[in-house]
Structures are given as C-alpha cells and as structure tokens.
Protein backbone atom coordinates (compact mmCIF):
# COMPACT_ATOMS: atom_id res chain seq x y z
CA MET A 1 8.86 -14.87 -20.68
CA ASP A 2 12.27 -16.46 -20.49
CA ARG A 3 14.99 -14.47 -18.72
CA LEU A 4 16.35 -11.86 -21.06
CA ARG A 5 20.00 -11.59 -21.96
CA LEU A 6 20.57 -7.91 -21.62
CA HIS A 7 22.93 -5.40 -22.96
CA GLY A 8 23.87 -3.56 -19.76
CA PHE A 9 21.56 -2.79 -16.86
CA ASN A 10 17.80 -3.64 -16.77
CA ASN A 11 16.39 -0.10 -17.13
CA LEU A 12 12.74 -1.03 -16.65
CA THR A 13 11.08 0.69 -13.69
CA LYS A 14 8.39 -1.16 -11.84
CA SER A 15 6.22 0.92 -9.51
CA LEU A 16 3.56 -0.24 -7.09
CA SER A 17 1.33 2.30 -5.35
CA PHE A 18 -0.60 0.73 -2.50
CA ASN A 19 -3.29 2.85 -0.75
CA ILE A 20 -5.20 1.40 2.15
CA TYR A 21 -8.17 2.72 4.19
CA ASP A 22 -9.49 1.74 7.56
CA ILE A 23 -12.85 3.01 8.92
CA CYS A 24 -13.84 3.33 12.57
CA TYR A 25 -16.69 4.88 14.54
CA ALA A 26 -15.64 6.94 17.54
CA ARG A 27 -18.61 8.63 19.16
CA THR A 28 -17.12 11.28 21.38
CA ARG A 29 -14.26 13.72 20.90
CA GLU A 30 -12.27 11.83 23.54
CA GLN A 31 -12.84 8.54 21.69
CA LYS A 32 -11.72 10.12 18.47
CA LYS A 33 -8.49 11.43 20.06
CA ALA A 34 -7.94 8.03 21.64
CA TYR A 35 -8.45 6.30 18.24
CA VAL A 36 -5.93 8.60 16.51
CA ALA A 37 -3.46 7.97 19.35
CA TYR A 38 -3.95 4.24 18.95
CA LEU A 39 -3.21 4.49 15.25
CA ASP A 40 -0.12 6.51 15.93
CA ASP A 41 1.12 3.80 18.27
CA MET A 42 0.18 0.88 15.95
CA PHE A 43 1.70 2.58 12.90
CA SER A 44 4.52 4.68 14.26
CA ALA A 45 7.57 5.38 12.15
CA ASP A 46 9.39 2.48 13.95
CA ARG A 47 6.56 0.02 13.07
CA LEU A 48 6.35 1.22 9.49
CA THR A 49 10.11 0.90 9.13
CA GLN A 50 9.82 -2.72 10.27
CA ILE A 51 7.01 -3.46 7.69
CA LEU A 52 9.06 -1.86 4.87
CA THR A 53 12.23 -3.58 5.91
CA GLU A 54 10.33 -6.92 5.61
CA VAL A 55 9.13 -5.76 2.14
CA SER A 56 12.74 -5.18 1.10
CA ASP A 57 13.67 -8.68 2.26
CA ILE A 58 10.76 -10.26 0.35
CA ILE A 59 11.50 -8.54 -2.99
CA GLY A 60 15.21 -9.21 -2.62
CA ALA A 61 16.35 -5.62 -2.35
CA HIS A 62 19.23 -4.28 -0.32
CA ILE A 63 18.66 -1.29 1.94
CA LEU A 64 21.03 1.68 1.41
CA ASN A 65 19.45 4.22 3.74
CA VAL A 66 16.37 4.73 5.93
CA ALA A 67 14.72 8.09 6.81
CA ARG A 68 11.69 8.16 9.13
CA GLN A 69 9.63 10.76 10.96
CA ASP A 70 6.76 10.84 13.36
CA TYR A 71 4.66 13.99 13.14
CA GLU A 72 2.71 16.18 15.52
CA PRO A 73 -0.26 15.96 16.13
CA GLU A 74 -0.38 12.64 14.25
CA GLY A 75 0.95 10.70 11.26
CA ALA A 76 4.38 9.22 10.21
CA SER A 77 6.50 8.87 7.12
CA VAL A 78 9.27 6.43 6.19
CA THR A 79 11.49 6.45 3.12
CA ILE A 80 13.87 3.51 2.36
CA LEU A 81 16.40 3.70 -0.46
CA ILE A 82 17.15 0.34 -1.98
CA ALA A 83 19.34 -1.25 -4.63
CA GLU A 84 19.17 -4.58 -6.41
CA GLU A 85 22.89 -5.34 -5.67
CA ALA A 86 24.32 -5.70 -2.23
CA ALA A 87 25.58 -2.51 -0.50
CA TYR A 88 28.96 -1.31 -1.79
CA ASP A 89 32.11 -1.88 0.25
CA GLY A 90 33.93 1.20 -0.99
CA PRO A 91 33.06 4.78 -1.97
CA MET A 92 31.30 4.80 -5.37
CA PRO A 93 29.19 7.98 -5.23
CA ASP A 94 28.08 7.95 -8.82
CA ALA A 95 26.85 4.38 -8.60
CA VAL A 96 25.19 4.95 -5.25
CA VAL A 97 23.36 8.05 -6.45
CA GLY A 98 22.17 6.17 -9.51
CA HIS A 99 20.60 3.45 -7.37
CA LEU A 100 19.08 5.97 -4.98
CA ASP A 101 17.38 7.66 -7.89
CA LYS A 102 15.83 4.47 -9.17
CA SER A 103 14.73 2.31 -6.28
CA HIS A 104 12.91 3.26 -3.17
CA ILE A 105 10.08 2.41 -0.77
CA THR A 106 7.99 5.09 0.91
CA VAL A 107 5.00 5.18 3.28
CA HIS A 108 2.97 8.06 4.64
CA THR A 109 -0.03 7.82 7.05
CA TYR A 110 -3.01 10.12 7.24
CA PRO A 111 -5.29 9.56 10.30
CA GLU A 112 -8.31 11.83 10.37
CA PHE A 113 -12.00 12.00 11.63
CA HIS A 114 -15.20 13.65 10.67
CA PRO A 115 -15.86 16.63 12.94
CA ASP A 116 -19.58 15.79 13.55
CA ASP A 117 -20.71 12.23 12.76
CA GLY A 118 -18.10 10.09 14.51
CA ILE A 119 -16.54 8.49 11.43
CA SER A 120 -12.78 8.27 11.63
CA THR A 121 -10.53 6.97 8.77
CA PHE A 122 -6.86 5.89 8.59
CA ARG A 123 -5.19 6.02 5.24
CA ALA A 124 -1.64 4.81 4.47
CA ASP A 125 0.01 5.44 1.11
CA ILE A 126 2.89 3.04 0.15
CA ASP A 127 5.05 3.28 -2.88
CA VAL A 128 7.46 0.61 -3.94
CA SER A 129 9.59 1.58 -6.99
CA THR A 130 12.23 -0.81 -8.30
CA CYS A 131 14.45 -1.28 -11.29
CA GLY A 132 16.32 -4.35 -12.44
CA LEU A 133 15.05 -7.90 -11.83
CA ILE A 134 13.41 -7.35 -8.42
CA SER A 135 9.62 -6.84 -8.55
CA PRO A 136 7.46 -5.01 -6.02
CA LEU A 137 4.53 -7.38 -6.73
CA LYS A 138 6.20 -10.04 -4.66
CA ALA A 139 5.35 -7.90 -1.58
CA LEU A 140 1.53 -7.64 -2.15
CA ASP A 141 0.64 -10.50 0.09
CA HIS A 142 2.75 -9.18 3.00
CA LEU A 143 1.47 -5.59 2.63
CA ILE A 144 -2.19 -6.57 2.49
CA ARG A 145 -1.87 -8.78 5.56
CA SER A 146 0.20 -6.26 7.48
CA PHE A 147 -2.59 -3.64 7.33
CA GLU A 148 -5.78 -5.81 7.10
CA SER A 149 -7.68 -2.91 5.53
CA ASP A 150 -11.32 -2.21 4.53
CA VAL A 151 -10.43 -0.69 1.20
CA VAL A 152 -7.30 -1.13 -0.85
CA SER A 153 -6.41 0.66 -4.08
CA LEU A 154 -3.48 -0.73 -6.04
CA ASP A 155 -1.67 0.82 -9.00
CA TYR A 156 1.16 -0.95 -10.85
CA ARG A 157 3.07 0.42 -13.81
CA VAL A 158 6.08 -0.63 -15.81
CA ARG A 159 8.00 2.28 -17.38
CA GLY A 160 10.86 2.71 -19.79
CA PHE A 161 12.50 -0.08 -21.78
CA THR A 162 15.64 -2.24 -21.71
CA ARG A 163 17.70 -3.69 -24.53
CA ASP A 164 18.68 -7.29 -25.08
CA VAL A 165 22.13 -8.28 -26.45
CA ASP A 166 20.86 -7.86 -30.05
CA GLY A 167 19.74 -4.29 -29.30
CA LYS A 168 16.03 -5.11 -29.40
CA LYS A 169 13.93 -2.98 -26.99
CA HIS A 170 11.76 -4.74 -24.39
CA PHE A 171 9.10 -2.75 -22.58
CA ILE A 172 8.25 -5.34 -19.99
CA ASP A 173 10.18 -8.38 -18.73
CA HIS A 174 7.40 -10.41 -17.09
CA GLU A 175 3.93 -11.63 -17.86
CA ILE A 176 1.02 -9.80 -16.21
CA HIS A 177 -2.65 -9.40 -17.09
CA SER A 178 -3.95 -8.09 -13.78
CA ILE A 179 -2.61 -7.27 -10.30
CA GLN A 180 -5.09 -9.96 -9.15
CA ASP A 181 -2.77 -12.53 -10.60
CA TYR A 182 -0.46 -11.77 -7.68
CA ILE A 183 -3.00 -11.75 -4.91
CA PRO A 184 -3.26 -14.99 -2.89
CA GLU A 185 -6.54 -16.93 -3.26
CA ASP A 186 -7.47 -16.65 0.42
CA ILE A 187 -7.18 -12.87 0.33
CA GLY A 188 -9.08 -12.73 -2.91
CA ASP A 189 -11.96 -14.68 -1.32
CA ARG A 190 -12.37 -11.96 1.35
CA TYR A 191 -12.52 -8.97 -1.06
CA GLN A 192 -14.63 -7.63 -3.85
CA MET A 193 -12.15 -6.63 -6.62
CA VAL A 194 -12.51 -4.49 -9.60
CA ASP A 195 -9.89 -3.97 -12.34
CA VAL A 196 -9.06 -1.07 -14.70
CA ASN A 197 -6.13 -2.14 -16.87
CA VAL A 198 -4.46 -0.60 -19.97
CA LEU A 199 -2.32 -3.43 -21.09
CA GLY A 200 -0.76 -1.61 -24.08
CA GLU A 201 0.57 1.08 -21.76
CA ARG A 202 1.53 -1.36 -19.02
CA ILE A 203 -0.82 0.23 -16.48
CA PHE A 204 -2.72 -1.89 -14.06
CA HIS A 205 -5.24 -0.81 -11.41
CA THR A 206 -7.19 -2.96 -8.88
CA LYS A 207 -9.60 -1.75 -6.22
CA MET A 208 -10.43 -4.12 -3.27
CA ARG A 209 -13.29 -3.90 -0.79
CA LEU A 210 -13.67 -6.23 2.22
CA THR A 211 -16.89 -8.19 1.79
CA GLU A 212 -17.51 -9.32 5.43
CA PHE A 213 -19.03 -6.74 7.75
CA GLU A 214 -19.21 -7.07 11.47
CA LEU A 215 -20.22 -3.85 13.27
CA ASP A 216 -18.03 -4.68 16.28
CA ASN A 217 -14.98 -4.48 14.07
CA TYR A 218 -15.77 -0.85 13.43
CA LEU A 219 -16.58 0.48 16.89
CA PHE A 220 -13.93 2.05 19.06
CA ALA A 221 -14.49 1.82 22.87
CA GLU A 222 -17.96 0.45 22.35
CA LYS A 223 -19.68 -2.83 21.51
CA THR A 224 -22.76 -3.65 19.40
CA SER A 225 -24.29 -5.11 22.53
CA ASP A 226 -24.25 -1.68 24.06
CA LEU A 227 -26.45 -0.24 21.31
CA SER A 228 -30.12 -0.34 20.67
CA GLU A 229 -31.31 -2.20 17.55
CA ASP A 230 -32.10 1.10 15.82
CA GLU A 231 -28.63 2.58 16.74
CA ALA A 232 -26.84 -0.55 15.46
CA ALA A 233 -28.80 -0.47 12.17
CA ALA A 234 -28.10 3.26 11.70
CA LEU A 235 -24.35 2.95 12.43
CA THR A 236 -24.12 -0.05 10.08
CA GLU A 237 -25.67 1.99 7.24
CA GLN A 238 -23.43 4.97 7.98
CA ILE A 239 -20.18 2.94 8.06
CA GLU A 240 -21.14 0.91 4.93
CA SER A 241 -21.84 4.14 3.11
CA GLU A 242 -18.44 5.56 4.05
CA ILE A 243 -16.71 2.40 2.78
CA THR A 244 -18.78 2.50 -0.42
CA GLU A 245 -17.88 6.11 -1.11
CA ILE A 246 -14.18 5.47 -0.51
CA PHE A 247 -14.23 2.39 -2.76
CA TYR A 248 -15.88 4.18 -5.65
CA GLY A 249 -14.10 7.44 -5.06
CA ARG A 250 -17.21 9.65 -5.02
CA ASN A 251 -19.97 10.89 -2.66
CA PHE A 252 -23.39 9.34 -2.92
CA VAL A 253 -25.18 11.81 -0.68
C-alpha cells in the first residue's frame, strides 16, 4: 500500500504480544533454585531494559521513560514509554500524556518449576504497542534471537482507523497476511509454525515450536553422558511432552 496522505495523526494502533517459553530439567531442589537464580541473572531488569531499548531503536521509536523492577524471590518487569516523534524540548504535558497512552513496550518474566518431576520453565511476556508509522513487526527478528526459545506464541492486531485527506477511513496501513511474512527464513527453518488469522478483523496469531531436540540443551548441571540409556529416553519423552503441551495449550495426560 502506498504511503497514505493523512488528515491529522495516524490513529491506527499496532500491538504485538510476544510470549516465549524455555524448558529445562533440574533434578534436585538445589538445581532448581540454581536454575531460577541463573534466569534471574540472565534476564534481570537491567538486561531486559537493554533488549527493549534495542527494540525501540529497531522500530524507530523514541524513549520517553523507563520503569523497571526486579522481584523477590524471582522475576522482573520493565515498561518503556515511547513516542514516534523525538522527545520534546519544552513542557507540553497534554502532548506527552497522549503519547504515553498510545505507545509502550513492556516485559514481564515468570520463572517456575514443577514441585516433583524436575521440569522447570521460564516464560517472558512482551508487549509492543505503537501508533503512527512505526511498526512493532520490525522487532520480531531481534526478539526471537534475543531469547532463543523452545516455544513462541505471537499475536498481532491492528486496531482503530485513520482518515486520509479526503476523509476516507483506513483500517490498516500496511499489507500483511501472516506474522510469518515478517519472520526471517533462517528462523522459520528452525521452527514448526502454525497460524490462526482473522484477516477481516486484522487479528493475526502464530505459534512456533523449535524442531531440533538435543537433550543436553535441556539439562541443568548434568549431561546426557551422565545418564543411563533408559534415563535419557525417559527424560527426552518427559521434556518433549512438556513442550508439546505448552505449544498446543492443553494437557495430554
């Protein structure tokens, strides 16, 4: 679609919700605690702020404010308020509040572990909501590579409408058939992907599951070579079942 000549501001809101899941096996309670501590260090509020700041740069947004918090016993949250235009030089509270209401990036992390069977999971929820010409889809590549996750769930929605100079309403200002259109080929080759799209409502959903499985990548403080053949087979089945249930969003046992 050619660039629209608009009457006033582009009022379309583009929202990307990005949910990632990482799975790990930690056998003992001490290993579980160490795994959660490792995640807290890897994805602290400072590290998440760095990732989201990079996202802001990629989509061409300007940061107005950053709020971040690490939690006890674990987890972190970051909220970045952004605007399409550069930060204002002088006090314009009405304009600033308007931008704060419309554009933001947030992330929340949720480390947890099963009390009995050794499975631990790490979930991060990221929301990128923009208005105007900037698009959160530009950040997909960077977000996926930043977390390198086992399961990814993506939701993208365009809301509202904007008017051109002739007064005609436009409910979307860019062409999209699937979120997969914006995922680089090398990433797509590594994941099984499933779409559920409602084009008429401008709602797009893609689920991704890593296709390669190496047991060593899922063991914390252990190696496959330390396990018997039966133990390795049992853990492989257990972890793959966990990934499958998260991918499809339901229990199979």
